[in-house]
Amino acid sequence: MTITTDHRLLTTSWTADVRAMETAIGRFAKDPALTGDCSVMLFEVAHDGDLHVNVTHRHQTSAVKGWAGPGTVAAGFVHNRTFGEMPQTGIVRHIRDMVFAARM
């Protein structure tokens, strides 16, 4: 199974955190519990200090508390969430919950 990450940052405020989170997310692919390919996009929106995260699966997954969606996009089904003053370990834990959401 494959997990890809990408980021689109407008400022440097999340740069170090995003680099560390992308490394941690990359390790998820080694977990045999992973049931499908997905992509994780970490990004900023103008005039908003939060980190925004989209997790896109090819197949629909069950809902995960705190995540909005699913939305339908060309690549599959996307869920999104924003993070503010949460430590990066907490953000990674929430992303992991969405990456490993059960397929429907």
N, C-alpha and C. Protein backbone atom coordinates (compact mmCIF):
# COMPACT_ATOMS: atom_id res chain seq x y z
N MET A 1 0.84 -1.17 0.00
CA MET A 1 0.00 0.00 0.00
C MET A 1 0.89 1.25 0.00
N THR A 2 0.39 2.30 -0.57
CA THR A 2 1.16 3.52 -0.70
C THR A 2 0.47 4.69 -0.02
N ILE A 3 1.26 5.47 0.69
CA ILE A 3 0.79 6.73 1.25
C ILE A 3 1.70 7.81 0.70
N THR A 4 1.11 8.79 0.03
CA THR A 4 1.89 9.91 -0.47
C THR A 4 1.56 11.15 0.35
N THR A 5 2.53 12.01 0.47
CA THR A 5 2.31 13.29 1.15
C THR A 5 2.78 14.41 0.24
N ASP A 6 2.16 15.55 0.41
CA ASP A 6 2.57 16.76 -0.29
C ASP A 6 2.17 17.93 0.60
N HIS A 7 2.74 19.07 0.33
CA HIS A 7 2.37 20.25 1.11
C HIS A 7 2.41 21.50 0.24
N ARG A 8 1.60 22.46 0.63
CA ARG A 8 1.53 23.77 -0.02
C ARG A 8 1.46 24.79 1.11
N LEU A 9 2.61 25.30 1.48
CA LEU A 9 2.67 26.25 2.59
C LEU A 9 2.87 27.66 2.06
N LEU A 10 2.16 28.61 2.65
CA LEU A 10 2.26 30.01 2.24
C LEU A 10 3.24 30.79 3.10
N THR A 11 3.53 30.27 4.29
CA THR A 11 4.44 30.93 5.22
C THR A 11 5.43 29.88 5.74
N THR A 12 6.32 30.31 6.60
CA THR A 12 7.28 29.37 7.20
C THR A 12 6.83 28.89 8.57
N SER A 13 5.67 29.33 9.04
CA SER A 13 5.26 29.01 10.41
C SER A 13 5.04 27.51 10.64
N TRP A 14 4.67 26.75 9.63
CA TRP A 14 4.43 25.32 9.78
C TRP A 14 5.53 24.46 9.14
N THR A 15 6.54 25.06 8.55
CA THR A 15 7.53 24.32 7.76
C THR A 15 8.20 23.19 8.53
N ALA A 16 8.77 23.46 9.68
CA ALA A 16 9.48 22.43 10.45
C ALA A 16 8.52 21.33 10.89
N ASP A 17 7.33 21.72 11.35
CA ASP A 17 6.34 20.73 11.78
C ASP A 17 5.92 19.84 10.61
N VAL A 18 5.66 20.43 9.46
CA VAL A 18 5.20 19.66 8.30
C VAL A 18 6.28 18.68 7.85
N ARG A 19 7.53 19.10 7.84
CA ARG A 19 8.60 18.16 7.47
C ARG A 19 8.62 16.95 8.40
N ALA A 20 8.53 17.20 9.69
CA ALA A 20 8.54 16.11 10.67
C ALA A 20 7.29 15.23 10.50
N MET A 21 6.14 15.86 10.26
CA MET A 21 4.91 15.08 10.10
C MET A 21 4.95 14.24 8.84
N GLU A 22 5.50 14.76 7.75
CA GLU A 22 5.60 13.98 6.52
C GLU A 22 6.48 12.74 6.73
N THR A 23 7.53 12.89 7.49
CA THR A 23 8.38 11.74 7.80
C THR A 23 7.60 10.70 8.61
N ALA A 24 6.88 11.15 9.61
CA ALA A 24 6.08 10.23 10.44
C ALA A 24 4.99 9.56 9.61
N ILE A 25 4.32 10.30 8.76
CA ILE A 25 3.26 9.74 7.91
C ILE A 25 3.84 8.70 6.96
N GLY A 26 5.03 8.94 6.45
CA GLY A 26 5.68 7.97 5.56
C GLY A 26 5.87 6.61 6.21
N ARG A 27 6.04 6.61 7.53
CA ARG A 27 6.21 5.34 8.25
C ARG A 27 4.92 4.54 8.34
N PHE A 28 3.78 5.18 8.15
CA PHE A 28 2.50 4.47 8.23
C PHE A 28 2.43 3.32 7.21
N ALA A 29 3.05 3.50 6.05
CA ALA A 29 2.95 2.51 4.97
C ALA A 29 3.52 1.15 5.37
N LYS A 30 4.36 1.11 6.38
CA LYS A 30 4.95 -0.15 6.83
C LYS A 30 4.00 -0.95 7.71
N ASP A 31 2.90 -0.35 8.12
CA ASP A 31 1.95 -1.01 9.02
C ASP A 31 1.04 -1.94 8.22
N PRO A 32 1.00 -3.22 8.54
CA PRO A 32 0.16 -4.16 7.79
C PRO A 32 -1.34 -3.88 7.93
N ALA A 33 -1.73 -3.02 8.86
CA ALA A 33 -3.15 -2.69 9.02
C ALA A 33 -3.65 -1.74 7.92
N LEU A 34 -2.75 -1.16 7.15
CA LEU A 34 -3.13 -0.25 6.07
C LEU A 34 -3.92 -1.02 5.02
N THR A 35 -5.11 -0.53 4.67
CA THR A 35 -6.00 -1.29 3.78
C THR A 35 -6.13 -0.70 2.39
N GLY A 36 -5.46 0.41 2.12
CA GLY A 36 -5.57 1.00 0.80
C GLY A 36 -4.66 2.19 0.63
N ASP A 37 -4.42 2.54 -0.63
CA ASP A 37 -3.60 3.71 -0.93
C ASP A 37 -4.33 4.98 -0.53
N CYS A 38 -3.55 5.99 -0.13
CA CYS A 38 -4.15 7.28 0.15
C CYS A 38 -3.10 8.37 0.00
N SER A 39 -3.57 9.60 -0.07
CA SER A 39 -2.66 10.74 -0.14
C SER A 39 -3.04 11.73 0.96
N VAL A 40 -2.02 12.40 1.48
CA VAL A 40 -2.19 13.38 2.53
C VAL A 40 -1.63 14.71 2.03
N MET A 41 -2.43 15.73 2.04
CA MET A 41 -2.01 17.08 1.65
C MET A 41 -2.08 17.98 2.87
N LEU A 42 -0.97 18.65 3.17
CA LEU A 42 -0.90 19.59 4.29
C LEU A 42 -0.73 20.98 3.67
N PHE A 43 -1.57 21.92 4.06
CA PHE A 43 -1.52 23.21 3.40
C PHE A 43 -2.03 24.33 4.30
N GLU A 44 -1.71 25.55 3.88
CA GLU A 44 -2.20 26.75 4.54
C GLU A 44 -3.15 27.48 3.61
N VAL A 45 -4.04 28.26 4.21
CA VAL A 45 -4.97 29.10 3.48
C VAL A 45 -4.66 30.54 3.87
N ALA A 46 -4.68 31.44 2.91
CA ALA A 46 -4.37 32.85 3.16
C ALA A 46 -5.22 33.40 4.30
N HIS A 47 -4.61 34.18 5.15
CA HIS A 47 -5.27 34.86 6.28
C HIS A 47 -5.82 33.89 7.32
N ASP A 48 -5.22 32.72 7.43
CA ASP A 48 -5.65 31.71 8.37
C ASP A 48 -4.40 31.03 8.91
N GLY A 49 -4.16 31.08 10.20
CA GLY A 49 -2.94 30.54 10.77
C GLY A 49 -2.95 29.04 11.00
N ASP A 50 -4.07 28.39 10.72
CA ASP A 50 -4.18 26.95 10.96
C ASP A 50 -3.51 26.14 9.85
N LEU A 51 -3.18 24.91 10.19
CA LEU A 51 -2.72 23.94 9.20
C LEU A 51 -3.95 23.17 8.74
N HIS A 52 -4.13 23.09 7.45
CA HIS A 52 -5.25 22.34 6.87
C HIS A 52 -4.71 21.03 6.33
N VAL A 53 -5.47 19.96 6.50
CA VAL A 53 -5.04 18.63 6.05
C VAL A 53 -6.18 17.96 5.30
N ASN A 54 -5.87 17.46 4.12
CA ASN A 54 -6.79 16.62 3.35
C ASN A 54 -6.21 15.22 3.30
N VAL A 55 -7.05 14.22 3.54
CA VAL A 55 -6.67 12.83 3.36
C VAL A 55 -7.61 12.26 2.31
N THR A 56 -7.04 11.76 1.23
CA THR A 56 -7.84 11.24 0.11
C THR A 56 -7.58 9.75 -0.05
N HIS A 57 -8.67 8.98 -0.03
CA HIS A 57 -8.63 7.53 -0.26
C HIS A 57 -9.29 7.23 -1.60
N ARG A 58 -8.85 6.18 -2.26
CA ARG A 58 -9.50 5.76 -3.51
C ARG A 58 -10.90 5.22 -3.26
N HIS A 59 -11.09 4.61 -2.07
CA HIS A 59 -12.38 4.02 -1.72
C HIS A 59 -12.95 4.76 -0.53
N GLN A 60 -14.25 4.79 -0.43
CA GLN A 60 -14.90 5.46 0.69
C GLN A 60 -14.55 4.76 2.00
N THR A 61 -14.37 5.57 3.05
CA THR A 61 -14.04 5.04 4.37
C THR A 61 -15.09 5.48 5.37
N SER A 62 -15.05 4.85 6.50
CA SER A 62 -15.97 5.25 7.57
C SER A 62 -15.55 6.62 8.11
N ALA A 63 -16.48 7.28 8.76
CA ALA A 63 -16.23 8.60 9.32
C ALA A 63 -15.27 8.50 10.50
N VAL A 64 -14.47 9.53 10.68
CA VAL A 64 -13.57 9.63 11.82
C VAL A 64 -13.87 10.94 12.53
N LYS A 65 -14.06 10.88 13.84
CA LYS A 65 -14.42 12.05 14.62
C LYS A 65 -13.44 13.20 14.39
N GLY A 66 -13.99 14.38 14.13
CA GLY A 66 -13.19 15.57 13.92
C GLY A 66 -12.89 15.89 12.47
N TRP A 67 -13.14 14.94 11.59
CA TRP A 67 -12.86 15.13 10.16
C TRP A 67 -14.15 15.40 9.40
N ALA A 68 -14.12 16.35 8.48
CA ALA A 68 -15.26 16.65 7.62
C ALA A 68 -15.16 15.80 6.36
N GLY A 69 -16.29 15.49 5.78
CA GLY A 69 -16.29 14.74 4.54
C GLY A 69 -17.13 13.49 4.67
N PRO A 70 -17.14 12.70 3.65
CA PRO A 70 -16.23 12.78 2.51
C PRO A 70 -16.76 13.67 1.40
N GLY A 71 -15.82 14.24 0.70
CA GLY A 71 -16.12 14.91 -0.55
C GLY A 71 -15.64 14.00 -1.67
N THR A 72 -16.27 14.11 -2.81
CA THR A 72 -15.87 13.30 -3.95
C THR A 72 -14.98 14.13 -4.87
N VAL A 73 -13.80 13.61 -5.16
CA VAL A 73 -12.85 14.25 -6.06
C VAL A 73 -12.39 13.22 -7.08
N ALA A 74 -11.68 13.65 -8.10
CA ALA A 74 -11.23 12.73 -9.16
C ALA A 74 -10.41 11.57 -8.60
N ALA A 75 -9.64 11.81 -7.56
CA ALA A 75 -8.78 10.77 -6.99
C ALA A 75 -9.52 9.84 -6.03
N GLY A 76 -10.75 10.17 -5.67
CA GLY A 76 -11.51 9.32 -4.75
C GLY A 76 -12.35 10.11 -3.78
N PHE A 77 -12.13 9.87 -2.48
CA PHE A 77 -12.93 10.47 -1.43
C PHE A 77 -12.02 11.22 -0.47
N VAL A 78 -12.31 12.49 -0.23
CA VAL A 78 -11.44 13.33 0.58
C VAL A 78 -12.13 13.72 1.88
N HIS A 79 -11.37 13.68 2.96
CA HIS A 79 -11.79 14.19 4.26
C HIS A 79 -10.81 15.29 4.64
N ASN A 80 -11.29 16.30 5.35
CA ASN A 80 -10.38 17.37 5.73
C ASN A 80 -10.59 17.81 7.17
N ARG A 81 -9.57 18.50 7.65
CA ARG A 81 -9.56 18.95 9.03
C ARG A 81 -8.54 20.06 9.15
N THR A 82 -8.74 20.94 10.14
CA THR A 82 -7.75 21.98 10.43
C THR A 82 -7.17 21.77 11.81
N PHE A 83 -5.94 22.22 11.98
CA PHE A 83 -5.25 22.11 13.25
C PHE A 83 -4.63 23.46 13.58
N GLY A 84 -4.71 23.83 14.86
CA GLY A 84 -4.14 25.08 15.31
C GLY A 84 -2.98 24.84 16.26
N GLU A 85 -3.22 25.04 17.52
CA GLU A 85 -2.17 24.97 18.53
C GLU A 85 -1.94 23.57 19.08
N MET A 86 -2.12 22.56 18.30
CA MET A 86 -1.91 21.18 18.74
C MET A 86 -0.46 20.78 18.44
N PRO A 87 0.19 20.06 19.34
CA PRO A 87 1.55 19.58 19.05
C PRO A 87 1.55 18.64 17.85
N GLN A 88 2.67 18.61 17.13
CA GLN A 88 2.73 17.80 15.91
C GLN A 88 2.46 16.32 16.17
N THR A 89 2.81 15.80 17.34
CA THR A 89 2.51 14.40 17.63
C THR A 89 1.01 14.15 17.67
N GLY A 90 0.26 15.11 18.19
CA GLY A 90 -1.19 14.99 18.21
C GLY A 90 -1.78 15.07 16.81
N ILE A 91 -1.25 15.96 15.99
CA ILE A 91 -1.72 16.08 14.61
C ILE A 91 -1.46 14.78 13.86
N VAL A 92 -0.27 14.22 14.03
CA VAL A 92 0.06 12.95 13.36
C VAL A 92 -0.89 11.85 13.81
N ARG A 93 -1.22 11.82 15.08
CA ARG A 93 -2.15 10.81 15.59
C ARG A 93 -3.52 10.94 14.91
N HIS A 94 -4.00 12.17 14.76
CA HIS A 94 -5.29 12.38 14.11
C HIS A 94 -5.23 12.01 12.62
N ILE A 95 -4.13 12.36 11.96
CA ILE A 95 -3.96 11.98 10.55
C ILE A 95 -3.93 10.46 10.43
N ARG A 96 -3.23 9.80 11.34
CA ARG A 96 -3.16 8.34 11.32
C ARG A 96 -4.56 7.73 11.43
N ASP A 97 -5.39 8.28 12.31
CA ASP A 97 -6.76 7.78 12.45
C ASP A 97 -7.51 7.84 11.13
N MET A 98 -7.29 8.93 10.38
CA MET A 98 -7.99 9.08 9.09
C MET A 98 -7.38 8.19 8.03
N VAL A 99 -6.06 8.08 8.00
CA VAL A 99 -5.37 7.22 7.02
C VAL A 99 -5.82 5.77 7.20
N PHE A 100 -5.99 5.34 8.44
CA PHE A 100 -6.34 3.95 8.72
C PHE A 100 -7.85 3.74 8.91
N ALA A 101 -8.65 4.70 8.50
CA ALA A 101 -10.12 4.54 8.62
C ALA A 101 -10.56 3.31 7.83
N ALA A 102 -11.51 2.61 8.37
CA ALA A 102 -12.01 1.37 7.76
C ALA A 102 -12.69 1.66 6.42
N ARG A 103 -12.40 0.82 5.43
CA ARG A 103 -13.07 0.93 4.14
C ARG A 103 -14.54 0.54 4.29
N MET A 104 -15.37 1.18 3.50
CA MET A 104 -16.80 0.86 3.52
C MET A 104 -17.13 -0.07 2.37
